[in-house]
Amino acid sequence: MVGERVRKVREERGLSLEEFAKKVGIPASRLEEIESGKLEPCDATLVYISKLFDVDFWWLKEGREQTVKVA
């Protein structure tokens, strides 16, 4: 679930719900709903989180493992 992955990103960086929400630019109450699975974040929010915290967008959105392209 996307909310679980968002929580994992936040917890791995040692950020509180409020700190993470402030960095992402959303209310802490909305982040709490995302993490609990009550609300699905829009792609723009996930793109922002993925860039801000250097995580793969598709892993964050769908749980896909990051693939490595071989030349």
N, C-alpha and C. Protein backbone atom coordinates (compact mmCIF):
# COMPACT_ATOMS: atom_id res chain seq x y z
N MET A 1 0.84 -1.18 0.00
CA MET A 1 0.00 0.00 0.00
C MET A 1 0.89 1.25 0.00
N VAL A 2 0.50 2.22 -0.79
CA VAL A 2 1.31 3.43 -0.95
C VAL A 2 1.53 4.14 0.38
N GLY A 3 0.53 4.15 1.23
CA GLY A 3 0.66 4.80 2.53
C GLY A 3 1.76 4.19 3.39
N GLU A 4 1.88 2.88 3.32
CA GLU A 4 2.94 2.19 4.07
C GLU A 4 4.31 2.59 3.57
N ARG A 5 4.43 2.76 2.25
CA ARG A 5 5.72 3.14 1.68
C ARG A 5 6.05 4.60 2.01
N VAL A 6 5.05 5.45 2.01
CA VAL A 6 5.27 6.85 2.41
C VAL A 6 5.74 6.90 3.86
N ARG A 7 5.09 6.13 4.72
CA ARG A 7 5.49 6.07 6.13
C ARG A 7 6.93 5.56 6.26
N LYS A 8 7.27 4.57 5.47
CA LYS A 8 8.63 4.02 5.53
C LYS A 8 9.66 5.09 5.17
N VAL A 9 9.39 5.85 4.12
CA VAL A 9 10.29 6.94 3.73
C VAL A 9 10.44 7.92 4.89
N ARG A 10 9.33 8.30 5.49
CA ARG A 10 9.36 9.26 6.59
C ARG A 10 10.14 8.72 7.79
N GLU A 11 9.84 7.51 8.19
CA GLU A 11 10.48 6.92 9.36
C GLU A 11 11.97 6.68 9.14
N GLU A 12 12.36 6.26 7.93
CA GLU A 12 13.77 6.03 7.64
C GLU A 12 14.59 7.32 7.74
N ARG A 13 13.93 8.44 7.55
CA ARG A 13 14.62 9.73 7.65
C ARG A 13 14.47 10.37 9.02
N GLY A 14 13.82 9.66 9.93
CA GLY A 14 13.68 10.12 11.30
C GLY A 14 12.83 11.36 11.45
N LEU A 15 11.85 11.52 10.57
CA LEU A 15 11.00 12.71 10.61
C LEU A 15 9.66 12.40 11.26
N SER A 16 9.16 13.36 12.02
CA SER A 16 7.82 13.23 12.58
C SER A 16 6.81 13.44 11.47
N LEU A 17 5.58 13.11 11.75
CA LEU A 17 4.50 13.32 10.80
C LEU A 17 4.44 14.80 10.40
N GLU A 18 4.54 15.67 11.39
CA GLU A 18 4.46 17.11 11.14
C GLU A 18 5.64 17.62 10.31
N GLU A 19 6.85 17.14 10.63
CA GLU A 19 8.05 17.57 9.88
C GLU A 19 7.98 17.14 8.42
N PHE A 20 7.59 15.89 8.20
CA PHE A 20 7.50 15.36 6.84
C PHE A 20 6.44 16.12 6.05
N ALA A 21 5.28 16.32 6.67
CA ALA A 21 4.18 17.02 5.99
C ALA A 21 4.60 18.44 5.61
N LYS A 22 5.32 19.11 6.48
CA LYS A 22 5.77 20.47 6.21
C LYS A 22 6.73 20.49 5.02
N LYS A 23 7.65 19.52 4.98
CA LYS A 23 8.60 19.45 3.86
C LYS A 23 7.88 19.18 2.53
N VAL A 24 6.84 18.35 2.59
CA VAL A 24 6.11 17.99 1.38
C VAL A 24 5.10 19.07 0.99
N GLY A 25 4.70 19.87 1.97
CA GLY A 25 3.77 20.95 1.70
C GLY A 25 2.30 20.56 1.77
N ILE A 26 2.02 19.58 2.63
CA ILE A 26 0.63 19.16 2.84
C ILE A 26 0.34 19.21 4.33
N PRO A 27 -0.94 19.31 4.69
CA PRO A 27 -1.29 19.29 6.12
C PRO A 27 -0.95 17.94 6.76
N ALA A 28 -0.54 17.95 8.02
CA ALA A 28 -0.22 16.71 8.72
C ALA A 28 -1.43 15.78 8.76
N SER A 29 -2.62 16.34 8.83
CA SER A 29 -3.83 15.51 8.85
C SER A 29 -3.99 14.74 7.54
N ARG A 30 -3.61 15.36 6.42
CA ARG A 30 -3.69 14.67 5.13
C ARG A 30 -2.63 13.56 5.06
N LEU A 31 -1.43 13.85 5.55
CA LEU A 31 -0.38 12.83 5.57
C LEU A 31 -0.81 11.64 6.41
N GLU A 32 -1.45 11.92 7.54
CA GLU A 32 -1.94 10.85 8.40
C GLU A 32 -2.96 9.98 7.66
N GLU A 33 -3.84 10.60 6.87
CA GLU A 33 -4.82 9.85 6.08
C GLU A 33 -4.15 9.02 5.00
N ILE A 34 -3.09 9.58 4.39
CA ILE A 34 -2.35 8.84 3.36
C ILE A 34 -1.69 7.62 3.99
N GLU A 35 -1.01 7.81 5.11
CA GLU A 35 -0.29 6.71 5.75
C GLU A 35 -1.23 5.62 6.25
N SER A 36 -2.43 6.00 6.64
CA SER A 36 -3.38 5.01 7.15
C SER A 36 -4.18 4.33 6.04
N GLY A 37 -4.01 4.80 4.79
CA GLY A 37 -4.70 4.20 3.66
C GLY A 37 -6.08 4.77 3.41
N LYS A 38 -6.47 5.80 4.14
CA LYS A 38 -7.79 6.41 3.96
C LYS A 38 -7.83 7.33 2.74
N LEU A 39 -6.67 7.80 2.32
CA LEU A 39 -6.59 8.74 1.21
C LEU A 39 -5.45 8.33 0.28
N GLU A 40 -5.71 8.33 -1.00
CA GLU A 40 -4.69 8.03 -2.01
C GLU A 40 -4.07 9.35 -2.48
N PRO A 41 -2.76 9.50 -2.34
CA PRO A 41 -2.14 10.76 -2.78
C PRO A 41 -2.14 10.87 -4.30
N CYS A 42 -2.19 12.09 -4.80
CA CYS A 42 -2.12 12.30 -6.24
C CYS A 42 -0.68 12.04 -6.71
N ASP A 43 -0.55 11.81 -8.01
CA ASP A 43 0.77 11.53 -8.57
C ASP A 43 1.74 12.69 -8.35
N ALA A 44 1.24 13.93 -8.41
CA ALA A 44 2.12 15.08 -8.22
C ALA A 44 2.76 15.06 -6.83
N THR A 45 2.00 14.67 -5.82
CA THR A 45 2.54 14.57 -4.47
C THR A 45 3.59 13.47 -4.40
N LEU A 46 3.31 12.35 -5.05
CA LEU A 46 4.27 11.24 -5.04
C LEU A 46 5.54 11.59 -5.80
N VAL A 47 5.41 12.30 -6.91
CA VAL A 47 6.59 12.75 -7.66
C VAL A 47 7.44 13.66 -6.78
N TYR A 48 6.78 14.57 -6.08
CA TYR A 48 7.50 15.51 -5.22
C TYR A 48 8.23 14.77 -4.10
N ILE A 49 7.54 13.82 -3.46
CA ILE A 49 8.17 13.03 -2.39
C ILE A 49 9.36 12.25 -2.95
N SER A 50 9.17 11.64 -4.12
CA SER A 50 10.25 10.82 -4.70
C SER A 50 11.49 11.66 -5.01
N LYS A 51 11.28 12.87 -5.51
CA LYS A 51 12.42 13.74 -5.80
C LYS A 51 13.04 14.30 -4.54
N LEU A 52 12.20 14.74 -3.61
CA LEU A 52 12.68 15.36 -2.38
C LEU A 52 13.50 14.38 -1.53
N PHE A 53 13.06 13.13 -1.49
CA PHE A 53 13.71 12.14 -0.63
C PHE A 53 14.48 11.08 -1.41
N ASP A 54 14.66 11.30 -2.71
CA ASP A 54 15.47 10.43 -3.57
C ASP A 54 15.04 8.96 -3.49
N VAL A 55 13.74 8.74 -3.76
CA VAL A 55 13.22 7.37 -3.85
C VAL A 55 12.57 7.21 -5.22
N ASP A 56 12.50 5.99 -5.68
CA ASP A 56 11.93 5.70 -6.99
C ASP A 56 10.42 5.93 -6.98
N PHE A 57 9.93 6.70 -7.95
CA PHE A 57 8.50 7.01 -8.03
C PHE A 57 7.67 5.74 -8.13
N TRP A 58 8.04 4.80 -8.98
CA TRP A 58 7.22 3.60 -9.19
C TRP A 58 7.23 2.69 -7.98
N TRP A 59 8.32 2.69 -7.23
CA TRP A 59 8.32 1.94 -5.97
C TRP A 59 7.33 2.59 -5.01
N LEU A 60 7.38 3.91 -4.93
CA LEU A 60 6.50 4.64 -4.02
C LEU A 60 5.03 4.45 -4.41
N LYS A 61 4.73 4.55 -5.68
CA LYS A 61 3.34 4.47 -6.16
C LYS A 61 2.79 3.04 -6.14
N GLU A 62 3.57 2.09 -6.64
CA GLU A 62 3.04 0.74 -6.85
C GLU A 62 3.83 -0.37 -6.16
N GLY A 63 4.93 -0.01 -5.54
CA GLY A 63 5.73 -1.03 -4.87
C GLY A 63 6.65 -1.80 -5.80
N ARG A 64 6.78 -1.30 -7.03
CA ARG A 64 7.68 -1.98 -7.99
C ARG A 64 9.12 -1.87 -7.53
N GLU A 65 9.84 -2.95 -7.72
CA GLU A 65 11.27 -2.91 -7.44
C GLU A 65 11.95 -2.09 -8.52
N GLN A 66 12.95 -1.34 -8.10
CA GLN A 66 13.68 -0.54 -9.08
C GLN A 66 14.46 -1.45 -10.00
N THR A 67 14.37 -1.19 -11.30
CA THR A 67 15.08 -2.00 -12.27
C THR A 67 16.32 -1.26 -12.76
N VAL A 68 17.31 -2.03 -13.14
CA VAL A 68 18.54 -1.45 -13.67
C VAL A 68 18.61 -1.79 -15.14
N LYS A 69 18.80 -0.78 -15.95
CA LYS A 69 18.91 -1.01 -17.40
C LYS A 69 20.33 -1.44 -17.72
N VAL A 70 20.43 -2.46 -18.56
CA VAL A 70 21.73 -2.95 -18.98
C VAL A 70 21.94 -2.52 -20.43
N ALA A 71 23.06 -1.87 -20.66
CA ALA A 71 23.35 -1.38 -22.03
C ALA A 71 23.87 -2.48 -22.89
